[in-house]
């Protein structure tokens, strides 16, 4: 979780810029993804020592991570469908180099 915390904090400004973009806010599921990641980033940032969390804090963070991850997977699948329908050559490359492919 410490690596996830560092990564998300390093991307915080980019995330805020995305949330400021009114064009992106029209896409409700993508906006939900951005808010889920933003919330997770704030939760992880709040805790200074992630190795000393209470059971309740761990459960809460696990829920936040699951919500953000599920939303991310949903958006990735929608994006792959868009590529398949409109850009088959990019889809072909993306499918071969996707984050869910077993190495």
N, C-alpha and C. Protein backbone atom coordinates (compact mmCIF):
# COMPACT_ATOMS: atom_id res chain seq x y z
N UNK A 1 0.81 -1.20 0.00
CA UNK A 1 0.00 0.00 0.00
C UNK A 1 0.86 1.26 0.00
N UNK A 2 2.04 1.15 0.53
CA UNK A 2 2.93 2.32 0.54
C UNK A 2 3.29 2.73 -0.88
N UNK A 3 3.55 1.76 -1.74
CA UNK A 3 3.87 2.08 -3.15
C UNK A 3 2.67 2.70 -3.85
N UNK A 4 1.48 2.18 -3.57
CA UNK A 4 0.26 2.74 -4.14
C UNK A 4 0.08 4.18 -3.67
N UNK A 5 0.31 4.41 -2.40
CA UNK A 5 0.21 5.76 -1.83
C UNK A 5 1.16 6.72 -2.54
N UNK A 6 2.40 6.33 -2.68
CA UNK A 6 3.40 7.20 -3.34
C UNK A 6 3.00 7.48 -4.79
N UNK A 7 2.56 6.45 -5.49
CA UNK A 7 2.16 6.60 -6.89
C UNK A 7 0.99 7.57 -7.02
N UNK A 8 -0.05 7.35 -6.21
CA UNK A 8 -1.23 8.20 -6.31
C UNK A 8 -0.93 9.64 -5.93
N UNK A 9 -0.11 9.84 -4.92
CA UNK A 9 0.26 11.20 -4.54
C UNK A 9 1.03 11.87 -5.66
N UNK A 10 1.89 11.12 -6.34
CA UNK A 10 2.66 11.71 -7.44
C UNK A 10 1.77 12.09 -8.63
N UNK A 11 0.58 11.52 -8.72
CA UNK A 11 -0.35 11.79 -9.81
C UNK A 11 -1.50 12.71 -9.38
N UNK A 12 -1.45 13.22 -8.16
CA UNK A 12 -2.55 14.00 -7.61
C UNK A 12 -2.88 15.22 -8.47
N UNK A 13 -1.88 15.96 -8.90
CA UNK A 13 -2.14 17.17 -9.68
C UNK A 13 -2.82 16.82 -11.01
N UNK A 14 -2.37 15.78 -11.65
CA UNK A 14 -2.99 15.34 -12.91
C UNK A 14 -4.45 14.96 -12.67
N UNK A 15 -4.71 14.26 -11.60
CA UNK A 15 -6.06 13.87 -11.26
C UNK A 15 -6.95 15.09 -11.04
N UNK A 16 -6.44 16.07 -10.35
CA UNK A 16 -7.21 17.30 -10.13
C UNK A 16 -7.50 18.02 -11.43
N UNK A 17 -6.54 18.03 -12.35
CA UNK A 17 -6.76 18.66 -13.65
C UNK A 17 -7.87 17.94 -14.42
N UNK A 18 -7.88 16.61 -14.32
CA UNK A 18 -8.94 15.84 -14.99
C UNK A 18 -10.31 16.18 -14.39
N UNK A 19 -10.36 16.31 -13.07
CA UNK A 19 -11.62 16.63 -12.41
C UNK A 19 -12.11 18.04 -12.75
N UNK A 20 -11.19 18.92 -13.13
CA UNK A 20 -11.56 20.28 -13.52
C UNK A 20 -12.10 20.37 -14.94
N UNK A 21 -11.88 19.34 -15.73
CA UNK A 21 -12.26 19.36 -17.15
C UNK A 21 -13.76 19.08 -17.29
N UNK A 22 -14.54 20.09 -17.70
CA UNK A 22 -16.00 19.89 -17.81
C UNK A 22 -16.39 18.85 -18.87
N UNK A 23 -15.56 18.67 -19.88
CA UNK A 23 -15.87 17.66 -20.90
C UNK A 23 -15.83 16.25 -20.33
N UNK A 24 -14.89 16.00 -19.43
CA UNK A 24 -14.79 14.67 -18.84
C UNK A 24 -15.89 14.42 -17.83
N UNK A 25 -16.36 15.48 -17.19
CA UNK A 25 -17.40 15.32 -16.17
C UNK A 25 -18.73 14.89 -16.77
N UNK A 26 -18.88 15.05 -18.09
CA UNK A 26 -20.10 14.60 -18.76
C UNK A 26 -20.18 13.06 -18.82
N UNK A 27 -19.06 12.41 -18.65
CA UNK A 27 -19.01 10.95 -18.68
C UNK A 27 -19.08 10.45 -17.24
N UNK A 28 -20.28 10.11 -16.80
CA UNK A 28 -20.54 9.83 -15.40
C UNK A 28 -19.68 8.71 -14.82
N UNK A 29 -19.54 7.61 -15.54
CA UNK A 29 -18.77 6.50 -14.98
C UNK A 29 -17.28 6.86 -14.87
N UNK A 30 -16.78 7.64 -15.82
CA UNK A 30 -15.37 8.07 -15.73
C UNK A 30 -15.19 9.05 -14.58
N UNK A 31 -16.15 9.92 -14.38
CA UNK A 31 -16.10 10.85 -13.26
C UNK A 31 -16.12 10.08 -11.94
N UNK A 32 -16.96 9.04 -11.87
CA UNK A 32 -16.99 8.20 -10.66
C UNK A 32 -15.62 7.57 -10.40
N UNK A 33 -14.96 7.13 -11.47
CA UNK A 33 -13.61 6.59 -11.33
C UNK A 33 -12.66 7.64 -10.76
N UNK A 34 -12.69 8.84 -11.31
CA UNK A 34 -11.81 9.90 -10.83
C UNK A 34 -12.06 10.21 -9.36
N UNK A 35 -13.32 10.27 -8.97
CA UNK A 35 -13.63 10.56 -7.56
C UNK A 35 -13.20 9.41 -6.65
N UNK A 36 -13.37 8.17 -7.12
CA UNK A 36 -12.93 7.02 -6.31
C UNK A 36 -11.43 7.05 -6.10
N UNK A 37 -10.68 7.38 -7.14
CA UNK A 37 -9.22 7.46 -7.01
C UNK A 37 -8.83 8.65 -6.15
N UNK A 38 -9.52 9.76 -6.31
CA UNK A 38 -9.25 10.93 -5.48
C UNK A 38 -9.48 10.63 -4.01
N UNK A 39 -10.59 9.97 -3.72
CA UNK A 39 -10.89 9.61 -2.32
C UNK A 39 -9.82 8.66 -1.77
N UNK A 40 -9.46 7.67 -2.55
CA UNK A 40 -8.43 6.72 -2.11
C UNK A 40 -7.11 7.43 -1.84
N UNK A 41 -6.75 8.35 -2.71
CA UNK A 41 -5.51 9.12 -2.52
C UNK A 41 -5.56 9.90 -1.21
N UNK A 42 -6.68 10.54 -0.95
CA UNK A 42 -6.82 11.31 0.29
C UNK A 42 -6.76 10.40 1.52
N UNK A 43 -7.42 9.27 1.45
CA UNK A 43 -7.40 8.32 2.57
C UNK A 43 -5.98 7.82 2.85
N UNK A 44 -5.27 7.45 1.80
CA UNK A 44 -3.91 6.96 1.98
C UNK A 44 -3.00 8.07 2.49
N UNK A 45 -3.21 9.29 2.01
CA UNK A 45 -2.39 10.42 2.45
C UNK A 45 -2.63 10.76 3.91
N UNK A 46 -3.84 10.54 4.37
CA UNK A 46 -4.21 10.86 5.75
C UNK A 46 -3.40 10.04 6.75
N UNK A 47 -3.12 8.79 6.40
CA UNK A 47 -2.41 7.88 7.31
C UNK A 47 -0.91 7.99 7.07
N UNK A 48 -0.19 8.37 8.11
CA UNK A 48 1.26 8.54 7.99
C UNK A 48 1.98 7.18 7.96
N UNK A 49 1.54 6.26 8.80
CA UNK A 49 2.19 4.94 8.88
C UNK A 49 1.18 3.87 8.49
N UNK A 50 1.24 3.43 7.26
CA UNK A 50 0.28 2.44 6.78
C UNK A 50 0.49 1.07 7.40
N UNK A 51 1.64 0.85 8.00
CA UNK A 51 1.91 -0.45 8.63
C UNK A 51 1.29 -0.55 10.01
N UNK A 52 0.76 0.55 10.53
CA UNK A 52 0.20 0.55 11.89
C UNK A 52 -1.28 0.89 11.90
N UNK A 53 -2.01 0.45 10.89
CA UNK A 53 -3.43 0.76 10.79
C UNK A 53 -4.26 -0.20 11.63
N UNK A 54 -5.38 0.31 12.12
CA UNK A 54 -6.31 -0.54 12.86
C UNK A 54 -7.05 -1.44 11.86
N UNK A 55 -7.71 -2.44 12.39
CA UNK A 55 -8.50 -3.33 11.53
C UNK A 55 -9.58 -2.58 10.77
N UNK A 56 -10.23 -1.63 11.44
CA UNK A 56 -11.27 -0.84 10.77
C UNK A 56 -10.69 0.01 9.65
N UNK A 57 -9.53 0.61 9.89
CA UNK A 57 -8.89 1.40 8.84
C UNK A 57 -8.51 0.54 7.65
N UNK A 58 -7.99 -0.65 7.93
CA UNK A 58 -7.63 -1.56 6.83
C UNK A 58 -8.86 -1.97 6.02
N UNK A 59 -9.96 -2.25 6.70
CA UNK A 59 -11.19 -2.61 6.00
C UNK A 59 -11.68 -1.45 5.13
N UNK A 60 -11.61 -0.25 5.68
CA UNK A 60 -12.05 0.92 4.92
C UNK A 60 -11.18 1.13 3.68
N UNK A 61 -9.87 1.04 3.86
CA UNK A 61 -8.97 1.19 2.71
C UNK A 61 -9.17 0.08 1.69
N UNK A 62 -9.40 -1.13 2.15
CA UNK A 62 -9.65 -2.24 1.24
C UNK A 62 -10.90 -1.97 0.39
N UNK A 63 -11.95 -1.43 1.02
CA UNK A 63 -13.17 -1.07 0.28
C UNK A 63 -12.88 0.01 -0.75
N UNK A 64 -12.12 1.03 -0.34
CA UNK A 64 -11.78 2.12 -1.25
C UNK A 64 -10.97 1.62 -2.44
N UNK A 65 -10.01 0.74 -2.18
CA UNK A 65 -9.18 0.18 -3.25
C UNK A 65 -10.04 -0.66 -4.19
N UNK A 66 -10.91 -1.48 -3.62
CA UNK A 66 -11.78 -2.32 -4.44
C UNK A 66 -12.69 -1.47 -5.32
N UNK A 67 -13.27 -0.41 -4.76
CA UNK A 67 -14.15 0.46 -5.53
C UNK A 67 -13.39 1.12 -6.69
N UNK A 68 -12.20 1.65 -6.41
CA UNK A 68 -11.41 2.31 -7.45
C UNK A 68 -10.98 1.30 -8.51
N UNK A 69 -10.55 0.13 -8.10
CA UNK A 69 -10.08 -0.88 -9.04
C UNK A 69 -11.23 -1.37 -9.92
N UNK A 70 -12.38 -1.64 -9.33
CA UNK A 70 -13.54 -2.11 -10.10
C UNK A 70 -13.96 -1.06 -11.13
N UNK A 71 -13.94 0.19 -10.72
CA UNK A 71 -14.28 1.28 -11.64
C UNK A 71 -13.25 1.39 -12.76
N UNK A 72 -11.98 1.23 -12.42
CA UNK A 72 -10.92 1.29 -13.41
C UNK A 72 -11.07 0.15 -14.43
N UNK A 73 -11.36 -1.03 -13.97
CA UNK A 73 -11.55 -2.18 -14.87
C UNK A 73 -12.75 -1.93 -15.79
N UNK A 74 -13.83 -1.42 -15.24
CA UNK A 74 -15.01 -1.11 -16.03
C UNK A 74 -14.67 -0.11 -17.14
N UNK A 75 -13.95 0.93 -16.81
CA UNK A 75 -13.57 1.94 -17.80
C UNK A 75 -12.62 1.38 -18.84
N UNK A 76 -11.71 0.51 -18.41
CA UNK A 76 -10.76 -0.09 -19.35
C UNK A 76 -11.51 -0.96 -20.37
N UNK A 77 -12.48 -1.72 -19.89
CA UNK A 77 -13.27 -2.58 -20.79
C UNK A 77 -14.06 -1.73 -21.77
N UNK A 78 -14.67 -0.64 -21.29
CA UNK A 78 -15.42 0.25 -22.19
C UNK A 78 -14.48 0.86 -23.23
N UNK A 79 -13.28 1.21 -22.81
CA UNK A 79 -12.30 1.78 -23.75
C UNK A 79 -11.89 0.74 -24.79
N UNK A 80 -11.68 -0.48 -24.37
CA UNK A 80 -11.32 -1.54 -25.31
C UNK A 80 -12.45 -1.79 -26.31
N UNK A 81 -13.70 -1.73 -25.86
CA UNK A 81 -14.83 -1.89 -26.78
C UNK A 81 -14.82 -0.75 -27.80
N UNK A 82 -14.58 0.46 -27.34
CA UNK A 82 -14.50 1.62 -28.24
C UNK A 82 -13.39 1.40 -29.28
N UNK A 83 -12.23 0.97 -28.83
CA UNK A 83 -11.13 0.73 -29.78
C UNK A 83 -11.48 -0.37 -30.76
N UNK A 84 -12.08 -1.44 -30.26
CA UNK A 84 -12.44 -2.56 -31.14
C UNK A 84 -13.41 -2.11 -32.23
N UNK A 85 -14.40 -1.29 -31.85
CA UNK A 85 -15.41 -0.84 -32.80
C UNK A 85 -14.88 0.21 -33.78
N UNK A 86 -14.03 1.12 -33.29
CA UNK A 86 -13.64 2.27 -34.10
C UNK A 86 -12.18 2.28 -34.56
N UNK A 87 -11.31 1.58 -33.85
CA UNK A 87 -9.87 1.58 -34.18
C UNK A 87 -9.30 0.17 -34.02
N UNK A 88 -9.66 -0.74 -34.91
CA UNK A 88 -9.27 -2.15 -34.72
C UNK A 88 -7.77 -2.39 -34.65
N UNK A 89 -6.96 -1.60 -35.34
CA UNK A 89 -5.51 -1.84 -35.29
C UNK A 89 -4.93 -1.43 -33.93
N UNK A 90 -5.42 -0.34 -33.38
CA UNK A 90 -4.99 0.06 -32.03
C UNK A 90 -5.51 -0.95 -31.01
N UNK A 91 -6.73 -1.44 -31.23
CA UNK A 91 -7.30 -2.46 -30.34
C UNK A 91 -6.41 -3.70 -30.33
N UNK A 92 -5.97 -4.12 -31.49
CA UNK A 92 -5.13 -5.32 -31.59
C UNK A 92 -3.86 -5.16 -30.77
N UNK A 93 -3.22 -4.02 -30.87
CA UNK A 93 -2.02 -3.76 -30.09
C UNK A 93 -2.34 -3.70 -28.60
N UNK A 94 -3.40 -3.00 -28.25
CA UNK A 94 -3.77 -2.84 -26.85
C UNK A 94 -4.11 -4.16 -26.19
N UNK A 95 -4.77 -5.02 -26.91
CA UNK A 95 -5.15 -6.32 -26.36
C UNK A 95 -3.91 -7.18 -26.10
N UNK A 96 -2.92 -7.06 -26.98
CA UNK A 96 -1.69 -7.84 -26.79
C UNK A 96 -0.84 -7.31 -25.66
N UNK A 97 -1.00 -6.04 -25.31
CA UNK A 97 -0.18 -5.42 -24.26
C UNK A 97 -1.06 -4.89 -23.12
N UNK A 98 -2.09 -5.66 -22.77
CA UNK A 98 -3.02 -5.18 -21.76
C UNK A 98 -2.55 -5.55 -20.35
N UNK A 99 -2.98 -4.78 -19.35
CA UNK A 99 -2.50 -5.00 -17.98
C UNK A 99 -3.04 -6.26 -17.32
N UNK A 100 -4.02 -6.93 -17.92
CA UNK A 100 -4.61 -8.12 -17.33
C UNK A 100 -4.09 -9.42 -17.93
N UNK A 101 -3.22 -9.29 -18.91
CA UNK A 101 -2.67 -10.47 -19.58
C UNK A 101 -1.62 -11.11 -18.69
N UNK A 102 -1.73 -12.40 -18.53
CA UNK A 102 -0.72 -13.12 -17.76
C UNK A 102 0.59 -13.11 -18.54
N UNK A 103 1.67 -12.78 -17.87
CA UNK A 103 2.97 -12.72 -18.53
C UNK A 103 3.54 -14.10 -18.68
